Amino acid sequence: MCVQLIDAFKKTWHSAVYSFFKLDAVTVQYHDGRLVHFFPCGARKCKLSVGGVRRFQDSKDKSSTANLKHHAFGCWGKEAVELAFSGGKAQASSGNDT
């Protein structure tokens, strides 16, 4: 059932920021008793110990991409994220190869 739920949600995910995450690995989880969608980071080495972003589904801004974008800035770099939003393609490697 979770797979069907995620597939239904994927149809509404149109922002360029989603290209920085592994959408085939998004899961529905509970964190501290709260329903979340967990977006695994697409970077080779995520800078967060969690390895991605939790989007809490019980908040009024549950469809906001601000936390995803903030995470992408940290792992991929501002330039790569802005390029994706302007219609360009981000580099295949993450910004932490320096």
PDB file of N, CA and C in Angstrom:
ATOM      1  N   MET A   1       0.818  -1.205   0.000  1.00  0.00           N
ATOM      2  CA  MET A   1       0.000   0.000   0.000  1.00  0.00           C
ATOM      3  C   MET A   1       0.854   1.259   0.000  1.00  0.00           C
ATOM      4  N   CYS A   2       1.977   1.262   0.717  1.00  0.00           N
ATOM      5  CA  CYS A   2       2.847   2.434   0.763  1.00  0.00           C
ATOM      6  C   CYS A   2       3.369   2.793  -0.615  1.00  0.00           C
ATOM      7  N   VAL A   3       3.656   1.788  -1.437  1.00  0.00           N
ATOM      8  CA  VAL A   3       4.160   2.036  -2.784  1.00  0.00           C
ATOM      9  C   VAL A   3       3.102   2.771  -3.599  1.00  0.00           C
ATOM     10  N   GLN A   4       1.861   2.358  -3.473  1.00  0.00           N
ATOM     11  CA  GLN A   4       0.781   3.023  -4.194  1.00  0.00           C
ATOM     12  C   GLN A   4       0.614   4.457  -3.709  1.00  0.00           C
ATOM     13  N   LEU A   5       0.750   4.660  -2.406  1.00  0.00           N
ATOM     14  CA  LEU A   5       0.656   6.009  -1.841  1.00  0.00           C
ATOM     15  C   LEU A   5       1.751   6.900  -2.398  1.00  0.00           C
ATOM     16  N   ILE A   6       2.980   6.420  -2.383  1.00  0.00           N
ATOM     17  CA  ILE A   6       4.114   7.196  -2.885  1.00  0.00           C
ATOM     18  C   ILE A   6       3.937   7.489  -4.371  1.00  0.00           C
ATOM     19  N   ASP A   7       3.481   6.503  -5.138  1.00  0.00           N
ATOM     20  CA  ASP A   7       3.259   6.721  -6.570  1.00  0.00           C
ATOM     21  C   ASP A   7       2.221   7.817  -6.808  1.00  0.00           C
ATOM     22  N   ALA A   8       1.195   7.863  -5.977  1.00  0.00           N
ATOM     23  CA  ALA A   8       0.181   8.910  -6.101  1.00  0.00           C
ATOM     24  C   ALA A   8       0.775  10.277  -5.766  1.00  0.00           C
ATOM     25  N   PHE A   9       1.605  10.335  -4.728  1.00  0.00           N
ATOM     26  CA  PHE A   9       2.239  11.601  -4.353  1.00  0.00           C
ATOM     27  C   PHE A   9       3.222  12.070  -5.415  1.00  0.00           C
ATOM     28  N   LYS A  10       3.949  11.152  -6.044  1.00  0.00           N
ATOM     29  CA  LYS A  10       4.941  11.508  -7.065  1.00  0.00           C
ATOM     30  C   LYS A  10       4.321  12.318  -8.196  1.00  0.00           C
ATOM     31  N   LYS A  11       3.066  12.070  -8.481  1.00  0.00           N
ATOM     32  CA  LYS A  11       2.391  12.792  -9.558  1.00  0.00           C
ATOM     33  C   LYS A  11       2.256  14.276  -9.252  1.00  0.00           C
ATOM     34  N   THR A  12       2.390  14.648  -7.976  1.00  0.00           N
ATOM     35  CA  THR A  12       2.253  16.056  -7.593  1.00  0.00           C
ATOM     36  C   THR A  12       3.608  16.732  -7.371  1.00  0.00           C
ATOM     37  N   TRP A  13       4.694  15.983  -7.484  1.00  0.00           N
ATOM     38  CA  TRP A  13       6.032  16.528  -7.234  1.00  0.00           C
ATOM     39  C   TRP A  13       6.634  17.029  -8.537  1.00  0.00           C
ATOM     40  N   HIS A  14       6.519  18.338  -8.786  1.00  0.00           N
ATOM     41  CA  HIS A  14       6.960  18.917 -10.054  1.00  0.00           C
ATOM     42  C   HIS A  14       8.162  19.840  -9.919  1.00  0.00           C
ATOM     43  N   SER A  15       8.542  20.207  -8.722  1.00  0.00           N
ATOM     44  CA  SER A  15       9.641  21.141  -8.520  1.00  0.00           C
ATOM     45  C   SER A  15      10.976  20.538  -8.966  1.00  0.00           C
ATOM     46  N   ALA A  16      11.859  21.396  -9.444  1.00  0.00           N
ATOM     47  CA  ALA A  16      13.202  20.959  -9.854  1.00  0.00           C
ATOM     48  C   ALA A  16      13.999  20.408  -8.680  1.00  0.00           C
ATOM     49  N   VAL A  17      13.640  20.774  -7.465  1.00  0.00           N
ATOM     50  CA  VAL A  17      14.407  20.329  -6.298  1.00  0.00           C
ATOM     51  C   VAL A  17      14.353  18.815  -6.129  1.00  0.00           C
ATOM     52  N   TYR A  18      13.315  18.181  -6.622  1.00  0.00           N
ATOM     53  CA  TYR A  18      13.198  16.730  -6.481  1.00  0.00           C
ATOM     54  C   TYR A  18      14.298  15.987  -7.239  1.00  0.00           C
ATOM     55  N   SER A  19      14.933  16.632  -8.206  1.00  0.00           N
ATOM     56  CA  SER A  19      15.992  15.977  -8.973  1.00  0.00           C
ATOM     57  C   SER A  19      17.232  15.702  -8.121  1.00  0.00           C
ATOM     58  N   PHE A  20      17.321  16.277  -6.938  1.00  0.00           N
ATOM     59  CA  PHE A  20      18.463  16.073  -6.053  1.00  0.00           C
ATOM     60  C   PHE A  20      18.225  14.949  -5.046  1.00  0.00           C
ATOM     61  N   PHE A  21      17.112  14.257  -5.188  1.00  0.00           N
ATOM     62  CA  PHE A  21      16.747  13.187  -4.260  1.00  0.00           C
ATOM     63  C   PHE A  21      16.429  11.912  -5.025  1.00  0.00           C
ATOM     64  N   LYS A  22      16.544  10.787  -4.368  1.00  0.00           N
ATOM     65  CA  LYS A  22      16.261   9.478  -4.959  1.00  0.00           C
ATOM     66  C   LYS A  22      14.761   9.201  -4.831  1.00  0.00           C
ATOM     67  N   LEU A  23      14.006   9.622  -5.816  1.00  0.00           N
ATOM     68  CA  LEU A  23      12.549   9.512  -5.735  1.00  0.00           C
ATOM     69  C   LEU A  23      12.063   8.070  -5.734  1.00  0.00           C
ATOM     70  N   ASP A  24      12.848   7.163  -6.285  1.00  0.00           N
ATOM     71  CA  ASP A  24      12.441   5.751  -6.268  1.00  0.00           C
ATOM     72  C   ASP A  24      12.611   5.135  -4.888  1.00  0.00           C
ATOM     73  N   ALA A  25      13.283   5.862  -3.982  1.00  0.00           N
ATOM     74  CA  ALA A  25      13.536   5.327  -2.639  1.00  0.00           C
ATOM     75  C   ALA A  25      12.784   6.102  -1.550  1.00  0.00           C
ATOM     76  N   VAL A  26      11.883   7.003  -1.940  1.00  0.00           N
ATOM     77  CA  VAL A  26      11.092   7.753  -0.954  1.00  0.00           C
ATOM     78  C   VAL A  26      10.230   6.776  -0.173  1.00  0.00           C
ATOM     79  N   THR A  27      10.182   6.962   1.140  1.00  0.00           N
ATOM     80  CA  THR A  27       9.387   6.073   1.985  1.00  0.00           C
ATOM     81  C   THR A  27       8.435   6.866   2.866  1.00  0.00           C
ATOM     82  N   VAL A  28       7.405   6.200   3.311  1.00  0.00           N
ATOM     83  CA  VAL A  28       6.474   6.744   4.289  1.00  0.00           C
ATOM     84  C   VAL A  28       6.890   6.146   5.630  1.00  0.00           C
ATOM     85  N   GLN A  29       7.156   7.012   6.615  1.00  0.00           N
ATOM     86  CA  GLN A  29       7.648   6.561   7.911  1.00  0.00           C
ATOM     87  C   GLN A  29       6.925   7.320   9.020  1.00  0.00           C
ATOM     88  N   TYR A  30       7.186   6.894  10.235  1.00  0.00           N
ATOM     89  CA  TYR A  30       6.761   7.644  11.415  1.00  0.00           C
ATOM     90  C   TYR A  30       8.013   8.040  12.169  1.00  0.00           C
ATOM     91  N   HIS A  31       8.109   9.318  12.515  1.00  0.00           N
ATOM     92  CA  HIS A  31       9.228   9.835  13.299  1.00  0.00           C
ATOM     93  C   HIS A  31       8.645  10.536  14.520  1.00  0.00           C
ATOM     94  N   ASP A  32       8.970  10.031  15.691  1.00  0.00           N
ATOM     95  CA  ASP A  32       8.414  10.565  16.941  1.00  0.00           C
ATOM     96  C   ASP A  32       6.882  10.601  16.900  1.00  0.00           C
ATOM     97  N   GLY A  33       6.299   9.569  16.307  1.00  0.00           N
ATOM     98  CA  GLY A  33       4.848   9.460  16.249  1.00  0.00           C
ATOM     99  C   GLY A  33       4.191  10.312  15.174  1.00  0.00           C
ATOM    100  N   ARG A  34       4.981  10.958  14.337  1.00  0.00           N
ATOM    101  CA  ARG A  34       4.444  11.820  13.285  1.00  0.00           C
ATOM    102  C   ARG A  34       4.712  11.198  11.916  1.00  0.00           C
ATOM    103  N   LEU A  35       3.709  11.250  11.043  1.00  0.00           N
ATOM    104  CA  LEU A  35       3.834  10.715   9.697  1.00  0.00           C
ATOM    105  C   LEU A  35       4.757  11.601   8.872  1.00  0.00           C
ATOM    106  N   VAL A  36       5.735  10.986   8.199  1.00  0.00           N
ATOM    107  CA  VAL A  36       6.670  11.734   7.354  1.00  0.00           C
ATOM    108  C   VAL A  36       6.868  11.010   6.033  1.00  0.00           C
ATOM    109  N   HIS A  37       7.220  11.797   5.024  1.00  0.00           N
ATOM    110  CA  HIS A  37       7.770  11.247   3.786  1.00  0.00           C
ATOM    111  C   HIS A  37       9.266  11.475   3.915  1.00  0.00           C
ATOM    112  N   PHE A  38      10.050  10.418   3.746  1.00  0.00           N
ATOM    113  CA  PHE A  38      11.500  10.542   3.846  1.00  0.00           C
ATOM    114  C   PHE A  38      12.088  10.526   2.443  1.00  0.00           C
ATOM    115  N   PHE A  39      12.797  11.602   2.099  1.00  0.00           N
ATOM    116  CA  PHE A  39      13.432  11.758   0.796  1.00  0.00           C
ATOM    117  C   PHE A  39      14.928  11.510   0.938  1.00  0.00           C
ATOM    118  N   PRO A  40      15.442  10.366   0.460  1.00  0.00           N
ATOM    119  CA  PRO A  40      16.874  10.110   0.531  1.00  0.00           C
ATOM    120  C   PRO A  40      17.640  11.043  -0.407  1.00  0.00           C
ATOM    121  N   CYS A  41      18.726  11.580   0.080  1.00  0.00           N
ATOM    122  CA  CYS A  41      19.556  12.496  -0.699  1.00  0.00           C
ATOM    123  C   CYS A  41      20.194  11.748  -1.864  1.00  0.00           C
ATOM    124  N   GLY A  42      20.314  12.415  -2.993  1.00  0.00           N
ATOM    125  CA  GLY A  42      20.917  11.819  -4.175  1.00  0.00           C
ATOM    126  C   GLY A  42      22.414  12.018  -4.267  1.00  0.00           C
ATOM    127  N   ALA A  43      22.997  12.774  -3.339  1.00  0.00           N
ATOM    128  CA  ALA A  43      24.438  13.006  -3.359  1.00  0.00           C
ATOM    129  C   ALA A  43      25.175  11.718  -3.007  1.00  0.00           C
ATOM    130  N   ARG A  44      26.386  11.572  -3.545  1.00  0.00           N
ATOM    131  CA  ARG A  44      27.175  10.380  -3.228  1.00  0.00           C
ATOM    132  C   ARG A  44      27.427  10.265  -1.738  1.00  0.00           C
ATOM    133  N   LYS A  45      27.669  11.382  -1.105  1.00  0.00           N
ATOM    134  CA  LYS A  45      27.885  11.396   0.345  1.00  0.00           C
ATOM    135  C   LYS A  45      27.082  12.553   0.937  1.00  0.00           C
ATOM    136  N   CYS A  46      25.926  12.221   1.483  1.00  0.00           N
ATOM    137  CA  CYS A  46      25.058  13.225   2.086  1.00  0.00           C
ATOM    138  C   CYS A  46      25.746  13.819   3.313  1.00  0.00           C
ATOM    139  N   LYS A  47      25.571  15.110   3.519  1.00  0.00           N
ATOM    140  CA  LYS A  47      26.218  15.785   4.636  1.00  0.00           C
ATOM    141  C   LYS A  47      25.450  15.654   5.947  1.00  0.00           C
ATOM    142  N   LEU A  48      24.274  15.077   5.918  1.00  0.00           N
ATOM    143  CA  LEU A  48      23.500  14.850   7.134  1.00  0.00           C
ATOM    144  C   LEU A  48      23.586  13.389   7.538  1.00  0.00           C
ATOM    145  N   SER A  49      23.640  13.140   8.829  1.00  0.00           N
ATOM    146  CA  SER A  49      23.715  11.758   9.302  1.00  0.00           C
ATOM    147  C   SER A  49      22.450  10.973   8.965  1.00  0.00           C
ATOM    148  N   VAL A  50      21.333  11.654   8.815  1.00  0.00           N
ATOM    149  CA  VAL A  50      20.066  11.003   8.485  1.00  0.00           C
ATOM    150  C   VAL A  50      20.092  10.496   7.042  1.00  0.00           C
ATOM    151  N   GLY A  51      20.817  11.199   6.175  1.00  0.00           N
ATOM    152  CA  GLY A  51      20.929  10.781   4.785  1.00  0.00           C
ATOM    153  C   GLY A  51      19.832  11.289   3.879  1.00  0.00           C
ATOM    154  N   GLY A  52      19.071  12.253   4.341  1.00  0.00           N
ATOM    155  CA  GLY A  52      17.988  12.803   3.536  1.00  0.00           C
ATOM    156  C   GLY A  52      17.152  13.778   4.341  1.00  0.00           C
ATOM    157  N   VAL A  53      15.931  13.975   3.875  1.00  0.00           N
ATOM    158  CA  VAL A  53      15.035  14.968   4.466  1.00  0.00           C
ATOM    159  C   VAL A  53      13.712  14.323   4.839  1.00  0.00           C
ATOM    160  N   ARG A  54      13.235  14.657   6.032  1.00  0.00           N
ATOM    161  CA  ARG A  54      11.898  14.226   6.463  1.00  0.00           C
ATOM    162  C   ARG A  54      10.928  15.365   6.192  1.00  0.00           C
ATOM    163  N   ARG A  55       9.849  15.063   5.496  1.00  0.00           N
ATOM    164  CA  ARG A  55       8.794  16.057   5.282  1.00  0.00           C
ATOM    165  C   ARG A  55       7.593  15.608   6.104  1.00  0.00           C
ATOM    166  N   PHE A  56       7.330  16.333   7.173  1.00  0.00           N
ATOM    167  CA  PHE A  56       6.242  15.988   8.086  1.00  0.00           C
ATOM    168  C   PHE A  56       4.899  16.269   7.430  1.00  0.00           C
ATOM    169  N   GLN A  57       4.004  15.302   7.512  1.00  0.00           N
ATOM    170  CA  GLN A  57       2.716  15.380   6.837  1.00  0.00           C
ATOM    171  C   GLN A  57       1.587  15.925   7.699  1.00  0.00           C
ATOM    172  N   ASP A  58       1.888  16.258   8.950  1.00  0.00           N
ATOM    173  CA  ASP A  58       0.842  16.798   9.819  1.00  0.00           C
ATOM    174  C   ASP A  58       0.952  18.310   9.979  1.00  0.00           C
ATOM    175  N   SER A  59       1.734  18.947   9.121  1.00  0.00           N
ATOM    176  CA  SER A  59       1.887  20.401   9.207  1.00  0.00           C
ATOM    177  C   SER A  59       1.127  21.068   8.069  1.00  0.00           C
ATOM    178  N   LYS A  60       0.847  22.356   8.228  1.00  0.00           N
ATOM    179  CA  LYS A  60       0.077  23.057   7.205  1.00  0.00           C
ATOM    180  C   LYS A  60       0.883  23.266   5.924  1.00  0.00           C
ATOM    181  N   ASP A  61       2.212  23.195   6.020  1.00  0.00           N
ATOM    182  CA  ASP A  61       3.053  23.363   4.832  1.00  0.00           C
ATOM    183  C   ASP A  61       3.670  22.036   4.386  1.00  0.00           C
ATOM    184  N   LYS A  62       2.880  20.975   4.457  1.00  0.00           N
ATOM    185  CA  LYS A  62       3.382  19.632   4.166  1.00  0.00           C
ATOM    186  C   LYS A  62       3.834  19.455   2.718  1.00  0.00           C
ATOM    187  N   SER A  63       3.447  20.339   1.823  1.00  0.00           N
ATOM    188  CA  SER A  63       3.890  20.233   0.431  1.00  0.00           C
ATOM    189  C   SER A  63       4.992  21.239   0.098  1.00  0.00           C
ATOM    190  N   SER A  64       5.464  21.969   1.093  1.00  0.00           N
ATOM    191  CA  SER A  64       6.532  22.942   0.870  1.00  0.00           C
ATOM    192  C   SER A  64       7.825  22.230   0.492  1.00  0.00           C
ATOM    193  N   THR A  65       8.573  22.834  -0.398  1.00  0.00           N
ATOM    194  CA  THR A  65       9.861  22.265  -0.801  1.00  0.00           C
ATOM    195  C   THR A  65      11.037  23.028  -0.190  1.00  0.00           C
ATOM    196  N   ALA A  66      10.782  23.932   0.727  1.00  0.00           N
ATOM    197  CA  ALA A  66      11.850  24.753   1.310  1.00  0.00           C
ATOM    198  C   ALA A  66      12.912  23.914   2.012  1.00  0.00           C
ATOM    199  N   ASN A  67      12.484  22.912   2.782  1.00  0.00           N
ATOM    200  CA  ASN A  67      13.474  22.092   3.480  1.00  0.00           C
ATOM    201  C   ASN A  67      14.264  21.224   2.502  1.00  0.00           C
ATOM    202  N   LEU A  68      13.639  20.780   1.428  1.00  0.00           N
ATOM    203  CA  LEU A  68      14.344  20.010   0.407  1.00  0.00           C
ATOM    204  C   LEU A  68      15.375  20.888  -0.304  1.00  0.00           C
ATOM    205  N   LYS A  69      14.979  22.110  -0.608  1.00  0.00           N
ATOM    206  CA  LYS A  69      15.882  23.041  -1.295  1.00  0.00           C
ATOM    207  C   LYS A  69      17.061  23.398  -0.394  1.00  0.00           C
ATOM    208  N   HIS A  70      16.792  23.649   0.864  1.00  0.00           N
ATOM    209  CA  HIS A  70      17.860  23.970   1.820  1.00  0.00           C
ATOM    210  C   HIS A  70      18.855  22.811   1.906  1.00  0.00           C
ATOM    211  N   HIS A  71      18.349  21.602   1.955  1.00  0.00           N
ATOM    212  CA  HIS A  71      19.220  20.429   2.008  1.00  0.00           C
ATOM    213  C   HIS A  71      20.046  20.324   0.719  1.00  0.00           C
ATOM    214  N   ALA A  72      19.414  20.528  -0.426  1.00  0.00           N
ATOM    215  CA  ALA A  72      20.120  20.450  -1.709  1.00  0.00           C
ATOM    216  C   ALA A  72      21.240  21.488  -1.772  1.00  0.00           C
ATOM    217  N   PHE A  73      21.006  22.696  -1.237  1.00  0.00           N
ATOM    218  CA  PHE A  73      22.062  23.714  -1.184  1.00  0.00           C
ATOM    219  C   PHE A  73      23.274  23.172  -0.441  1.00  0.00           C
ATOM    220  N   GLY A  74      23.034  22.491   0.681  1.00  0.00           N
ATOM    221  CA  GLY A  74      24.119  21.982   1.507  1.00  0.00           C
ATOM    222  C   GLY A  74      24.895  20.845   0.872  1.00  0.00           C
ATOM    223  N   CYS A  75      24.203  19.942   0.195  1.00  0.00           N
ATOM    224  CA  CYS A  75      24.877  18.765  -0.377  1.00  0.00           C
ATOM    225  C   CYS A  75      25.362  18.978  -1.808  1.00  0.00           C
ATOM    226  N   TRP A  76      24.690  19.810  -2.568  1.00  0.00           N
ATOM    227  CA  TRP A  76      25.013  19.965  -3.985  1.00  0.00           C
ATOM    228  C   TRP A  76      25.607  21.328  -4.319  1.00  0.00           C
ATOM    229  N   GLY A  77      25.340  22.318  -3.472  1.00  0.00           N
ATOM    230  CA  GLY A  77      25.822  23.666  -3.737  1.00  0.00           C
ATOM    231  C   GLY A  77      24.742  24.540  -4.349  1.00  0.00           C
ATOM    232  N   LYS A  78      24.815  25.807  -4.015  1.00  0.00           N
ATOM    233  CA  LYS A  78      23.795  26.756  -4.468  1.00  0.00           C
ATOM    234  C   LYS A  78      23.762  26.868  -5.995  1.00  0.00           C
ATOM    235  N   GLU A  79      24.924  26.853  -6.608  1.00  0.00           N
ATOM    236  CA  GLU A  79      24.999  26.995  -8.064  1.00  0.00           C
ATOM    237  C   GLU A  79      24.266  25.856  -8.783  1.00  0.00           C
ATOM    238  N   ALA A  80      24.463  24.624  -8.331  1.00  0.00           N
ATOM    239  CA  ALA A  80      23.808  23.468  -8.955  1.00  0.00           C
ATOM    240  C   ALA A  80      22.293  23.539  -8.788  1.00  0.00           C
ATOM    241  N   VAL A  81      21.844  23.953  -7.610  1.00  0.00           N
ATOM    242  CA  VAL A  81      20.402  24.044  -7.353  1.00  0.00           C
ATOM    243  C   VAL A  81      19.782  25.145  -8.212  1.00  0.00           C
ATOM    244  N   GLU A  82      20.432  26.290  -8.265  1.00  0.00           N
ATOM    245  CA  GLU A  82      19.905  27.386  -9.081  1.00  0.00           C
ATOM    246  C   GLU A  82      19.895  27.022 -10.554  1.00  0.00           C
ATOM    247  N   LEU A  83      20.896  26.266 -11.006  1.00  0.00           N
ATOM    248  CA  LEU A  83      20.937  25.817 -12.393  1.00  0.00           C
ATOM    249  C   LEU A  83      19.746  24.901 -12.692  1.00  0.00           C
ATOM    250  N   ALA A  84      19.439  24.005 -11.777  1.00  0.00           N
ATOM    251  CA  ALA A  84      18.296  23.108 -11.965  1.00  0.00           C
ATOM    252  C   ALA A  84      16.992  23.892 -12.028  1.00  0.00           C
ATOM    253  N   PHE A  85      16.862  24.915 -11.199  1.00  0.00           N
ATOM    254  CA  PHE A  85      15.638  25.716 -11.192  1.00  0.00           C
ATOM    255  C   PHE A  85      15.513  26.586 -12.433  1.00  0.00           C
ATOM    256  N   SER A  86      16.648  26.896 -13.060  1.00  0.00           N
ATOM    257  CA  SER A  86      16.595  27.719 -14.272  1.00  0.00           C
ATOM    258  C   SER A  86      16.417  26.868 -15.520  1.00  0.00           C
ATOM    259  N   GLY A  87      16.282  25.556 -15.338  1.00  0.00           N
ATOM    260  CA  GLY A  87      16.039  24.668 -16.465  1.00  0.00           C
ATOM    261  C   GLY A  87      17.270  23.921 -16.937  1.00  0.00           C
ATOM    262  N   GLY A  88      18.412  24.162 -16.311  1.00  0.00           N
ATOM    263  CA  GLY A  88      19.633  23.457 -16.681  1.00  0.00           C
ATOM    264  C   GLY A  88      19.709  22.116 -15.991  1.00  0.00           C
ATOM    265  N   LYS A  89      20.770  21.405 -16.253  1.00  0.00           N
ATOM    266  CA  LYS A  89      20.992  20.095 -15.628  1.00  0.00           C
ATOM    267  C   LYS A  89      22.125  20.213 -14.632  1.00  0.00           C
ATOM    268  N   ALA A  90      21.934  19.644 -13.455  1.00  0.00           N
ATOM    269  CA  ALA A  90      22.975  19.642 -12.430  1.00  0.00           C
ATOM    270  C   ALA A  90      24.052  18.631 -12.805  1.00  0.00           C
ATOM    271  N   GLN A  91      25.248  18.860 -12.320  1.00  0.00           N
ATOM    272  CA  GLN A  91      26.349  17.930 -12.548  1.00  0.00           C
ATOM    273  C   GLN A  91      26.015  16.578 -11.923  1.00  0.00           C
ATOM    274  N   ALA A  92      26.588  15.531 -12.465  1.00  0.00           N
ATOM    275  CA  ALA A  92      26.322  14.184 -11.966  1.00  0.00           C
ATOM    276  C   ALA A  92      26.884  13.976 -10.563  1.00  0.00           C
ATOM    277  N   SER A  93      27.945  14.669 -10.233  1.00  0.00           N
ATOM    278  CA  SER A  93      28.530  14.508  -8.885  1.00  0.00           C
ATOM    279  C   SER A  93      28.014  15.588  -7.958  1.00  0.00           C
ATOM    280  N   SER A  94      28.046  15.291  -6.680  1.00  0.00           N
ATOM    281  CA  SER A  94      27.585  16.267  -5.700  1.00  0.00           C
ATOM    282  C   SER A  94      28.652  17.300  -5.464  1.00  0.00           C
ATOM    283  N   GLY A  95      28.303  18.339  -4.750  1.00  0.00           N
ATOM    284  CA  GLY A  95      29.213  19.433  -4.479  1.00  0.00           C
ATOM    285  C   GLY A  95      30.247  19.135  -3.426  1.00  0.00           C
ATOM    286  N   ASN A  96      30.320  17.932  -2.898  1.00  0.00           N
ATOM    287  CA  ASN A  96      31.257  17.646  -1.819  1.00  0.00           C
ATOM    288  C   ASN A  96      32.479  16.875  -2.320  1.00  0.00           C
ATOM    289  N   ASP A  97      32.849  17.067  -3.589  1.00  0.00           N
ATOM    290  CA  ASP A  97      34.036  16.425  -4.138  1.00  0.00           C
ATOM    291  C   ASP A  97      35.294  17.275  -3.956  1.00  0.00           C
ATOM    292  N   THR A  98      35.139  18.457  -3.343  1.00  0.00           N
ATOM    293  CA  THR A  98      36.285  19.352  -3.181  1.00  0.00           C
ATOM    294  C   THR A  98      37.117  19.005  -1.995  1.00  0.00           C
TER     295      THR A  98
END
